[in-house]
């Protein structure tokens, strides 16, 4: 039996959108169907994957099933990504330096043409 990982679950845009909606508050399947304009079986398939990955809990309330976000797997993912953040920050810093150089060069060009 194949075990669904957090990465597997997050690889699909619809499942990420479902998580975004569940981040706001727990929701019923019907709400997700309406908000995402998808069929109930389609949403249920995505919710099953999210459940198997441990990203959502289901709470039964009489005939209704409430789906709610579990943040623990996302915290684990965030912890795993932590060592990579400095790479992004360095690249953003280099981009910022480059954009400032371009702006300074453009300002200098405009100031020369005003003379």
Protein backbone atom coordinates (compact mmCIF):
# COMPACT_ATOMS: atom_id res chain seq x y z
CA UNK A 1 0.00 0.00 0.00
CA UNK A 2 1.32 3.42 -1.00
CA UNK A 3 1.56 6.01 1.75
CA UNK A 4 0.64 9.56 0.75
CA UNK A 5 3.24 12.11 1.84
CA UNK A 6 2.79 15.79 2.57
CA UNK A 7 4.65 16.54 -0.67
CA UNK A 8 2.29 14.29 -2.65
CA UNK A 9 -0.72 16.05 -1.18
CA UNK A 10 0.69 19.53 -1.79
CA UNK A 11 1.67 18.77 -5.38
CA UNK A 12 -1.88 19.41 -6.59
CA UNK A 13 -3.20 22.98 -6.94
CA UNK A 14 -6.76 22.00 -5.99
CA UNK A 15 -5.58 20.41 -2.75
CA UNK A 16 -3.53 23.51 -1.94
CA UNK A 17 -6.65 25.63 -2.55
CA UNK A 18 -8.66 23.36 -0.23
CA UNK A 19 -6.03 23.87 2.47
CA UNK A 20 -6.22 27.63 1.92
CA UNK A 21 -9.98 27.49 2.48
CA UNK A 22 -9.63 25.26 5.54
CA UNK A 23 -7.04 27.65 6.96
CA UNK A 24 -9.86 30.18 7.32
CA UNK A 25 -12.19 27.79 9.17
CA UNK A 26 -13.47 24.17 9.18
CA UNK A 27 -15.79 23.50 6.26
CA UNK A 28 -18.34 21.01 5.02
CA UNK A 29 -17.77 19.15 1.75
CA UNK A 30 -20.72 21.03 0.22
CA UNK A 31 -19.08 24.37 0.98
CA UNK A 32 -15.88 23.26 -0.74
CA UNK A 33 -17.88 21.99 -3.74
CA UNK A 34 -19.56 25.38 -4.11
CA UNK A 35 -16.43 27.44 -3.52
CA UNK A 36 -14.24 25.45 -5.91
CA UNK A 37 -17.02 24.76 -8.42
CA UNK A 38 -16.15 21.08 -8.57
CA UNK A 39 -18.16 17.90 -8.22
CA UNK A 40 -18.67 16.35 -4.80
CA UNK A 41 -16.84 13.14 -5.81
CA UNK A 42 -13.91 15.23 -7.09
CA UNK A 43 -13.63 17.18 -3.84
CA UNK A 44 -13.99 13.97 -1.83
CA UNK A 45 -11.04 12.40 -3.71
CA UNK A 46 -8.87 15.39 -2.86
CA UNK A 47 -10.00 15.34 0.76
CA UNK A 48 -9.12 11.65 0.99
CA UNK A 49 -5.56 12.39 -0.15
CA UNK A 50 -5.29 15.26 2.32
CA UNK A 51 -6.63 13.01 5.10
CA UNK A 52 -4.20 10.22 4.25
CA UNK A 53 -1.32 12.71 4.33
CA UNK A 54 -2.48 13.88 7.77
CA UNK A 55 -3.20 17.41 6.60
CA UNK A 56 -6.90 17.41 7.50
CA UNK A 57 -9.09 15.94 10.21
CA UNK A 58 -12.71 14.94 9.74
CA UNK A 59 -15.23 15.56 12.48
CA UNK A 60 -18.62 13.87 12.26
CA UNK A 61 -21.59 15.99 13.39
CA UNK A 62 -24.81 13.98 12.90
CA UNK A 63 -25.03 13.60 9.10
CA UNK A 64 -22.43 16.26 8.38
CA UNK A 65 -18.67 15.88 8.07
CA UNK A 66 -16.54 18.86 8.97
CA UNK A 67 -13.05 19.05 7.50
CA UNK A 68 -10.43 21.04 9.36
CA UNK A 69 -6.78 21.81 8.78
CA UNK A 70 -4.06 20.03 10.77
CA UNK A 71 -1.05 22.32 11.00
CA UNK A 72 1.47 19.84 12.43
CA UNK A 73 2.57 18.40 9.04
CA UNK A 74 2.96 21.92 7.69
CA UNK A 75 5.12 22.86 10.69
CA UNK A 76 7.30 19.82 9.96
CA UNK A 77 7.61 20.92 6.33
CA UNK A 78 8.47 24.45 7.45
CA UNK A 79 11.19 23.04 9.71
CA UNK A 80 12.59 20.98 6.85
CA UNK A 81 12.70 24.08 4.60
CA UNK A 82 14.46 26.23 7.20
CA UNK A 83 18.04 25.46 6.00
CA UNK A 84 17.09 26.50 2.45
CA UNK A 85 15.74 29.93 3.37
CA UNK A 86 19.16 31.57 3.39
CA UNK A 87 19.53 30.64 -0.28
CA UNK A 88 16.37 32.55 -1.16
CA UNK A 89 17.31 35.50 1.01
CA UNK A 90 20.75 35.75 -0.59
CA UNK A 91 19.18 35.75 -4.04
CA UNK A 92 16.66 38.40 -3.05
CA UNK A 93 19.47 40.52 -1.63
CA UNK A 94 21.44 40.22 -4.88
CA UNK A 95 18.33 41.08 -6.90
CA UNK A 96 17.70 44.11 -4.68
CA UNK A 97 21.30 45.29 -5.16
CA UNK A 98 20.97 44.87 -8.92
CA UNK A 99 17.68 46.77 -9.07
CA UNK A 100 19.15 49.61 -7.03
CA UNK A 101 22.10 49.79 -9.44
CA UNK A 102 19.69 49.94 -12.39
CA UNK A 103 17.66 52.67 -10.71
CA UNK A 104 20.79 54.70 -9.95
CA UNK A 105 21.97 54.30 -13.54
CA UNK A 106 18.57 55.35 -14.88
CA UNK A 107 18.48 58.34 -12.53
CA UNK A 108 21.94 59.37 -13.70
CA UNK A 109 20.92 59.03 -17.38
CA UNK A 110 17.78 61.11 -16.80
CA UNK A 111 19.73 63.76 -14.92
CA UNK A 112 22.30 63.99 -17.77
CA UNK A 113 19.55 64.37 -20.39
CA UNK A 114 17.92 67.20 -18.41
CA UNK A 115 21.04 69.35 -18.85
